[in-house]
């Protein structure tokens, strides 16, 4: 996705002073006093049945959280109790997490394949670091259609230079989690520390903040586009596009043609200087289609990647209309990919019978 948009042109806020003791079904954890910074988050997670104590009346807030514990939290919240059994308590949850693409682009993505499982059979039980947690959270945000606007200026992350250029999926995930307030810096300088391990208390806080995004979306579909105002520009030809991959003119709009794609996904860019909104209607083909929207601003260089503003999920065969903000931008870009496969390089056919800049 990042490559497509580029081609078109924190600690978990470790807040003190919370005064609600952590309780689970009436139990107070002896190691989570009312003054603990994560007391309210822990109470929320345990009362909702998303997390449990470790026994003996303790929660172990500073204990590193494992992959298994965290993907179990997500499965419990978003995908329901898994069926089946396994040789470990977490295997049914792992199966569900893999089926729902929660673990895309993480070290656990291929764990269901025998070869990778044999290399490190205990990997799910090992501690989860902040970078991998960001990727997992980003996967769920995308699958649940939550806002995924990226941090505009990643230089405010003190150690961004050590993050950038190593793992594009992790970069995207960290920028989104930072912007949405789920994860942040571990110190006053804004250091993200991707290799640092996450504690159970921090995981409770991150999960609470993720839940806070439920019901929020980047853009809601309209029944139909509003009438185009005077002076609006109707996009009907590929000659109006700044860049294109896999696009052709179709009726009064555009079509994403698999025979024309050079880089895996269809995409296109439009000049947007002086316009306030871009309006369009899109029909997905036989695959659920994710529409990724990015923008460029006057201060951006020609080769700078676009700033991801959000995503739209259009189910297979459905037609929806949207009006998106493009005020203050010089260019806008769209990338289109299948929503049922990992990020990047997965063509999804679509039709856009109407596109307007106004």
Protein backbone atom coordinates (compact mmCIF):
# COMPACT_ATOMS: atom_id res chain seq x y z
CA UNK A 1 0.00 0.00 0.00
CA UNK A 2 2.74 2.46 0.94
CA UNK A 3 4.56 1.76 -2.31
CA UNK A 4 1.39 2.45 -4.25
CA UNK A 5 0.76 5.81 -2.58
CA UNK A 6 4.43 6.75 -2.87
CA UNK A 7 4.29 6.08 -6.55
CA UNK A 8 1.48 8.60 -6.77
CA UNK A 9 3.69 11.40 -6.08
CA UNK A 10 2.52 7.33 22.75
CA UNK A 11 4.30 5.10 25.48
CA UNK A 12 0.89 4.21 26.02
CA UNK A 13 0.53 7.56 27.78
CA UNK A 14 1.57 6.17 31.15
CA UNK A 15 -0.75 8.42 33.11
CA UNK A 16 -0.68 8.66 36.86
CA UNK A 17 -3.48 9.60 39.17
CA UNK A 18 -6.14 7.06 38.16
CA UNK A 19 -8.11 6.16 41.26
CA UNK A 20 -10.32 3.18 40.39
CA UNK A 21 -9.02 -0.18 41.69
CA UNK A 22 -8.81 -3.06 39.23
CA UNK A 23 -11.54 -5.61 39.89
CA UNK A 24 -12.65 -8.76 38.16
CA UNK A 25 -16.04 -10.12 39.16
CA UNK A 26 -15.69 -8.39 42.50
CA UNK A 27 -12.03 -9.37 43.02
CA UNK A 28 -9.41 -6.73 43.77
CA UNK A 29 -5.93 -7.58 42.50
CA UNK A 30 -3.42 -7.20 45.29
CA UNK A 31 -0.73 -5.96 42.88
CA UNK A 32 -2.93 -3.29 41.25
CA UNK A 33 -3.62 -0.60 43.85
CA UNK A 34 -6.04 2.22 43.15
CA UNK A 35 -3.07 4.49 42.51
CA UNK A 36 -1.67 2.31 39.70
CA UNK A 37 -1.63 4.21 36.41
CA UNK A 38 -3.43 1.36 34.57
CA UNK A 39 -5.96 0.51 37.29
CA UNK A 40 -9.00 1.66 35.30
CA UNK A 41 -7.83 -0.04 32.10
CA UNK A 42 -7.25 -3.33 33.92
CA UNK A 43 -10.65 -3.09 35.57
CA UNK A 44 -12.29 -2.49 32.17
CA UNK A 45 -10.56 -5.47 30.57
CA UNK A 46 -11.20 -7.93 33.39
CA UNK A 47 -14.83 -6.92 33.89
CA UNK A 48 -15.40 -7.39 30.13
CA UNK A 49 -13.80 -10.85 30.24
CA UNK A 50 -11.06 -9.81 27.83
CA UNK A 51 -8.26 -10.35 30.36
CA UNK A 52 -7.95 -12.39 33.55
CA UNK A 53 -5.59 -12.46 36.50
CA UNK A 54 -2.62 -14.79 36.77
CA UNK A 55 -3.81 -16.51 39.93
CA UNK A 56 -3.38 -15.92 43.62
CA UNK A 57 -5.34 -12.70 43.45
CA UNK A 58 -2.69 -11.07 41.25
CA UNK A 59 -2.77 -9.47 37.79
CA UNK A 60 0.99 -9.10 37.19
CA UNK A 61 0.70 -5.69 35.50
CA UNK A 62 4.43 -5.37 34.80
CA UNK A 63 4.82 -8.87 33.39
CA UNK A 64 5.54 -8.91 29.63
CA UNK A 65 2.50 -9.95 27.63
CA UNK A 66 2.86 -12.81 25.16
CA UNK A 67 1.66 -13.05 21.58
CA UNK A 68 -0.85 -15.64 22.74
CA UNK A 69 -2.28 -13.48 25.50
CA UNK A 70 -2.71 -10.52 23.16
CA UNK A 71 -4.25 -12.30 20.18
CA UNK A 72 -6.56 -14.06 22.65
CA UNK A 73 -7.74 -10.64 23.89
CA UNK A 74 -8.52 -9.57 20.33
CA UNK A 75 -10.29 -12.81 19.42
CA UNK A 76 -12.46 -12.58 22.56
CA UNK A 77 -13.48 -9.03 21.71
CA UNK A 78 -14.00 -9.19 17.96
CA UNK A 79 -14.37 -12.77 16.75
CA UNK A 80 -16.10 -14.70 19.53
CA UNK A 81 -15.11 -17.78 21.48
CA UNK A 82 -13.20 -20.16 19.18
CA UNK A 83 -14.24 -23.76 18.73
CA UNK A 84 -12.03 -26.80 18.90
CA UNK A 85 -9.17 -27.78 21.16
CA UNK A 86 -5.42 -28.02 20.96
CA UNK A 87 -2.34 -29.15 22.82
CA UNK A 88 -2.13 -25.69 24.45
CA UNK A 89 -4.78 -23.34 25.77
CA UNK A 90 -4.03 -20.79 23.07
CA UNK A 91 -4.21 -22.97 19.94
CA UNK A 92 -7.94 -22.42 19.25
CA UNK A 93 -7.40 -18.66 19.64
CA UNK A 94 -4.39 -18.81 17.31
CA UNK A 95 -6.45 -20.59 14.66
CA UNK A 96 -9.12 -17.89 14.88
CA UNK A 97 -6.55 -15.08 14.79
CA UNK A 98 -4.96 -16.54 11.65
CA UNK A 99 -8.33 -17.05 9.98
CA UNK A 100 -9.30 -13.42 10.63
CA UNK A 101 -5.97 -12.04 9.39
CA UNK A 102 -5.10 -10.61 12.80
CA UNK A 103 -1.49 -11.79 12.46
CA UNK A 104 -0.66 -10.66 8.92
CA UNK A 105 2.89 -9.38 8.53
CA UNK A 106 3.98 -10.58 11.98
CA UNK A 107 6.36 -13.34 12.97
CA UNK A 108 3.30 -15.55 13.58
CA UNK A 109 1.75 -15.14 10.14
CA UNK A 110 3.03 -18.51 8.87
CA UNK A 111 2.88 -20.39 12.15
CA UNK A 112 0.12 -22.68 10.87
CA UNK A 113 2.60 -24.11 8.33
CA UNK A 114 4.47 -27.11 9.70
CA UNK A 115 7.93 -25.90 8.65
CA UNK A 116 7.66 -22.60 10.50
CA UNK A 117 6.00 -24.18 13.51
CA UNK A 118 8.90 -26.62 13.84
CA UNK A 119 11.42 -23.76 13.77
CA UNK A 120 10.01 -22.18 16.93
CA UNK A 121 7.09 -24.16 18.38
CA UNK A 122 6.84 -21.92 21.45
CA UNK A 123 6.75 -18.61 19.57
CA UNK A 124 3.12 -17.75 20.50
CA UNK A 125 4.00 -17.99 24.19
CA UNK A 126 6.95 -15.61 23.85
CA UNK A 127 6.79 -11.90 24.80
CA UNK A 128 5.33 -9.45 22.29
CA UNK A 129 7.27 -6.32 21.39
CA UNK A 130 5.82 -2.89 20.64
CA UNK A 131 6.45 -3.02 16.89
CA UNK A 132 4.66 -6.34 16.44
CA UNK A 133 1.81 -5.14 18.67
CA UNK A 134 1.39 -2.11 16.42
CA UNK A 135 1.11 -4.36 13.35
CA UNK A 136 -1.48 -6.59 15.06
CA UNK A 137 -3.53 -3.58 16.19
CA UNK A 138 -3.37 -2.11 12.68
CA UNK A 139 -4.62 -5.38 11.18
CA UNK A 140 -7.64 -5.38 13.47
CA UNK A 141 -8.32 -1.70 12.83
CA UNK A 142 -8.39 -2.38 9.10
CA UNK A 143 -10.53 -5.50 9.44
CA UNK A 144 -13.00 -3.71 11.71
CA UNK A 145 -13.14 -0.61 9.47
CA UNK A 146 -11.80 1.70 12.16
CA UNK A 147 -10.01 4.99 11.34
CA UNK A 148 -6.48 4.38 10.01
CA UNK A 149 -5.26 7.89 9.33
CA UNK A 150 -1.47 8.03 9.60
CA UNK A 151 0.64 10.38 11.68
CA UNK A 152 1.39 13.36 9.41
CA UNK A 153 4.94 14.02 10.61
CA UNK A 154 6.67 10.86 11.92
CA UNK A 155 9.75 12.91 12.86
CA UNK A 156 8.05 13.62 16.20
CA UNK A 157 8.87 9.96 16.99
CA UNK A 158 12.37 10.38 18.41
CA UNK A 159 13.71 7.09 17.06
CA UNK A 160 11.91 7.18 13.70
CA UNK A 161 15.22 6.94 11.83
CA UNK A 162 15.80 3.53 13.40
CA UNK A 163 12.29 2.39 12.40
CA UNK A 164 12.12 3.79 8.86
CA UNK A 165 13.37 1.64 6.01
CA UNK A 166 13.31 -1.75 7.73
CA UNK A 167 9.69 -2.94 7.64
CA UNK A 168 7.11 -0.96 5.68
CA UNK A 169 4.21 -2.74 7.37
CA UNK A 170 5.55 -1.83 10.81
CA UNK A 171 6.13 1.77 9.72
CA UNK A 172 2.51 2.12 8.57
CA UNK A 173 1.21 0.46 11.72
CA UNK A 174 3.23 2.64 14.09
CA UNK A 175 2.17 5.84 12.30
CA UNK A 176 -1.50 4.81 12.46
CA UNK A 177 -1.38 3.69 16.10
CA UNK A 178 0.43 6.89 17.06
CA UNK A 179 -2.06 9.11 15.22
CA UNK A 180 -5.08 7.29 16.68
CA UNK A 181 -3.69 7.53 20.22
CA UNK A 182 -3.41 3.79 20.83
CA UNK A 183 0.37 3.68 21.19
CA UNK A 184 2.83 6.49 21.76
CA UNK A 185 6.31 7.20 23.05
CA UNK A 186 7.92 5.53 26.05
CA UNK A 187 9.58 8.72 27.30
CA UNK A 188 9.29 12.49 27.20
CA UNK A 189 11.40 12.59 24.02
CA UNK A 190 8.80 10.54 22.12
CA UNK A 191 10.89 7.39 21.63
CA UNK A 192 8.72 4.56 20.31
CA UNK A 193 11.18 1.71 21.03
CA UNK A 194 9.74 -0.89 18.66
CA UNK A 195 11.88 -3.67 20.15
CA UNK A 196 10.67 -3.01 23.70
CA UNK A 197 8.41 -5.58 25.30
CA UNK A 198 4.81 -4.73 26.16
CA UNK A 199 3.53 -5.36 29.67
CA UNK A 200 0.12 -6.67 30.62
CA UNK A 201 -0.84 -3.25 31.98
CA UNK A 202 0.20 -1.54 28.74
CA UNK A 203 -1.73 -4.12 26.71
CA UNK A 204 -4.85 -3.37 28.77
CA UNK A 205 -4.45 0.33 28.01
CA UNK A 206 -3.90 -0.27 24.28
CA UNK A 207 -6.94 -2.54 24.10
CA UNK A 208 -9.10 0.02 25.89
CA UNK A 209 -8.06 2.68 23.40
CA UNK A 210 -8.74 0.34 20.48
CA UNK A 211 -12.24 -0.29 21.82
CA UNK A 212 -12.68 3.47 21.97
CA UNK A 213 -12.41 3.57 18.16
CA UNK A 214 -15.29 1.16 17.65
CA UNK A 215 -18.13 2.68 15.67
CA UNK A 216 -15.88 5.35 14.17
CA UNK A 217 -15.18 5.21 10.45
CA UNK A 218 -13.17 7.25 7.99
CA UNK A 219 -16.12 7.77 5.63
CA UNK A 220 -19.72 6.64 5.63
CA UNK A 221 -21.42 5.71 2.34
CA UNK A 222 -24.13 7.92 0.89
CA UNK A 223 -27.28 6.72 -0.85
CA UNK A 224 -26.26 8.82 -3.85
CA UNK A 225 -23.88 11.62 -4.70
CA UNK A 226 -25.19 15.15 -4.20
CA UNK A 227 -25.59 17.26 -7.37
CA UNK A 228 -22.24 18.56 -8.60
CA UNK A 229 -21.92 22.30 -7.90
CA UNK A 230 -21.08 24.85 -10.54
CA UNK A 231 -17.41 24.71 -11.45
CA UNK A 232 -16.99 21.06 -10.50
CA UNK A 233 -14.68 18.96 -12.68
CA UNK A 234 -15.99 15.62 -13.93
CA UNK A 235 -13.20 13.02 -14.23
CA UNK A 236 -13.97 10.86 -17.25
CA UNK A 237 -10.62 10.26 -18.98
CA UNK A 238 -7.26 8.86 -17.92
CA UNK A 239 -5.64 11.95 -19.46
CA UNK A 240 -6.96 13.88 -16.44
CA UNK A 241 -4.96 11.72 -14.04
CA UNK A 242 -1.54 12.65 -12.69
CA UNK A 243 -0.54 8.99 -12.44
CA UNK A 244 -2.28 5.72 -13.12
CA UNK A 245 -1.73 1.98 -12.90
CA UNK A 246 -4.37 -0.44 -14.13
CA UNK A 247 -6.85 2.31 -15.01
CA UNK A 248 -8.90 2.85 -18.15
CA UNK A 249 -11.79 5.11 -19.13
CA UNK A 250 -15.17 3.45 -18.74
CA UNK A 251 -18.55 5.04 -19.59
CA UNK A 252 -18.49 8.35 -17.67
CA UNK A 253 -15.79 7.30 -15.23
CA UNK A 254 -12.96 4.82 -14.70
CA UNK A 255 -12.41 1.06 -14.50
CA UNK A 256 -9.69 -0.89 -12.71
CA UNK A 257 -8.54 -3.37 -15.37
CA UNK A 258 -6.36 -6.32 -14.25
CA UNK A 259 -4.74 -6.53 -17.70
CA UNK A 260 -3.29 -3.03 -17.29
CA UNK A 261 -1.76 -3.36 -13.82
CA UNK A 262 2.02 -3.16 -13.56
CA UNK A 263 2.58 -3.16 -9.79
CA UNK A 264 -0.03 -5.45 -8.25
CA UNK A 265 -2.70 -2.93 -7.28
CA UNK A 266 -4.67 -0.48 -9.37
CA UNK A 267 -4.11 3.14 -8.38
CA UNK A 268 -4.41 6.67 -9.67
CA UNK A 269 -3.69 10.24 -8.65
CA UNK A 270 -5.51 13.51 -9.36
CA UNK A 271 -4.46 17.16 -9.12
CA UNK A 272 -6.55 18.70 -6.35
CA UNK A 273 -5.20 22.22 -5.81
CA UNK A 274 -8.07 24.66 -5.34
CA UNK A 275 -10.69 21.96 -4.75
CA UNK A 276 -12.44 21.18 -1.46
CA UNK A 277 -13.91 17.72 -2.00
CA UNK A 278 -13.62 14.65 -4.19
CA UNK A 279 -16.89 12.77 -4.75
CA UNK A 280 -17.21 9.36 -6.33
CA UNK A 281 -19.30 6.26 -6.74
CA UNK A 282 -17.57 2.88 -6.72
CA UNK A 283 -18.77 -0.64 -7.46
CA UNK A 284 -16.65 -3.56 -6.27
CA UNK A 285 -16.16 -6.60 -8.46
CA UNK A 286 -16.31 -10.16 -7.13
CA UNK A 287 -13.91 -9.43 -4.22
CA UNK A 288 -14.22 -7.22 -1.16
CA UNK A 289 -12.26 -4.12 -2.12
CA UNK A 290 -10.26 -1.82 0.15
CA UNK A 291 -9.91 1.76 -1.11
CA UNK A 292 -6.91 3.59 0.37
CA UNK A 293 -7.03 7.39 0.18
CA UNK A 294 -3.94 9.59 0.42
CA UNK A 295 -3.11 13.25 -0.11
CA UNK A 296 -0.14 15.53 -0.81
CA UNK A 297 0.27 19.04 0.58
CA UNK A 298 2.10 22.06 -0.87
CA UNK A 299 5.11 21.50 1.40
CA UNK A 300 5.59 17.92 0.21
CA UNK A 301 8.30 17.11 -2.29
CA UNK A 302 7.58 15.52 -5.65
CA UNK A 303 8.94 12.13 -4.57
CA UNK A 304 7.49 12.15 -1.05
CA UNK A 305 4.90 9.43 -0.35
CA UNK A 306 1.33 10.57 0.10
CA UNK A 307 -0.15 10.93 3.56
CA UNK A 308 -2.65 8.15 4.19
CA UNK A 309 -5.93 9.68 5.36
CA UNK A 310 -8.08 6.59 5.61
CA UNK A 311 -9.57 3.49 4.05
CA UNK A 312 -12.97 2.45 2.75
CA UNK A 313 -14.17 -1.15 2.52
CA UNK A 314 -16.60 -1.95 -0.30
CA UNK A 315 -18.05 -5.44 -0.18
CA UNK A 316 -18.07 -7.63 -3.29
CA UNK A 317 -20.75 -6.60 -5.75
CA UNK A 318 -21.87 -3.56 -3.74
CA UNK A 319 -22.04 0.03 -4.98
CA UNK A 320 -21.52 3.03 -2.69
CA UNK A 321 -20.95 6.77 -2.97
CA UNK A 322 -18.61 8.95 -0.89
CA UNK A 323 -17.56 12.56 -0.48
CA UNK A 324 -14.03 13.05 0.89
CA UNK A 325 -12.21 16.19 1.96
CA UNK A 326 -9.28 17.36 -0.19
CA UNK A 327 -9.04 20.99 0.92
CA UNK A 328 -5.53 22.40 1.15
CA UNK A 329 -4.01 19.58 -0.91
CA UNK A 330 -2.14 19.64 -4.19
CA UNK A 331 -2.83 16.03 -5.16
CA UNK A 332 -4.93 13.10 -4.03
CA UNK A 333 -4.41 9.42 -4.65
CA UNK A 334 -6.38 6.20 -4.51
CA UNK A 335 -5.07 2.65 -4.26
CA UNK A 336 -7.32 -0.39 -4.53
CA UNK A 337 -6.65 -3.87 -3.17
CA UNK A 338 -8.41 -7.05 -2.18
CA UNK A 339 -9.51 -6.91 1.44
CA UNK A 340 -9.25 -10.65 2.07
CA UNK A 341 -5.50 -10.95 1.54
CA UNK A 342 -2.48 -9.38 3.24
CA UNK A 343 -1.55 -5.83 2.34
CA UNK A 344 -0.13 -5.01 -1.06
CA UNK A 345 -0.03 -6.59 -4.49
CA UNK A 346 -3.55 -8.04 -4.58
CA UNK A 347 -5.64 -6.73 -7.44
CA UNK A 348 -9.33 -6.04 -6.95
CA UNK A 349 -11.48 -5.11 -9.95
CA UNK A 350 -13.82 -2.14 -9.58
CA UNK A 351 -15.76 0.46 -11.51
CA UNK A 352 -16.13 4.18 -10.70
CA UNK A 353 -18.98 5.54 -12.86
CA UNK A 354 -18.74 9.01 -11.29
CA UNK A 355 -15.78 11.02 -10.01
CA UNK A 356 -16.03 14.77 -9.29
CA UNK A 357 -13.67 17.41 -7.94
CA UNK A 358 -15.44 20.44 -6.53
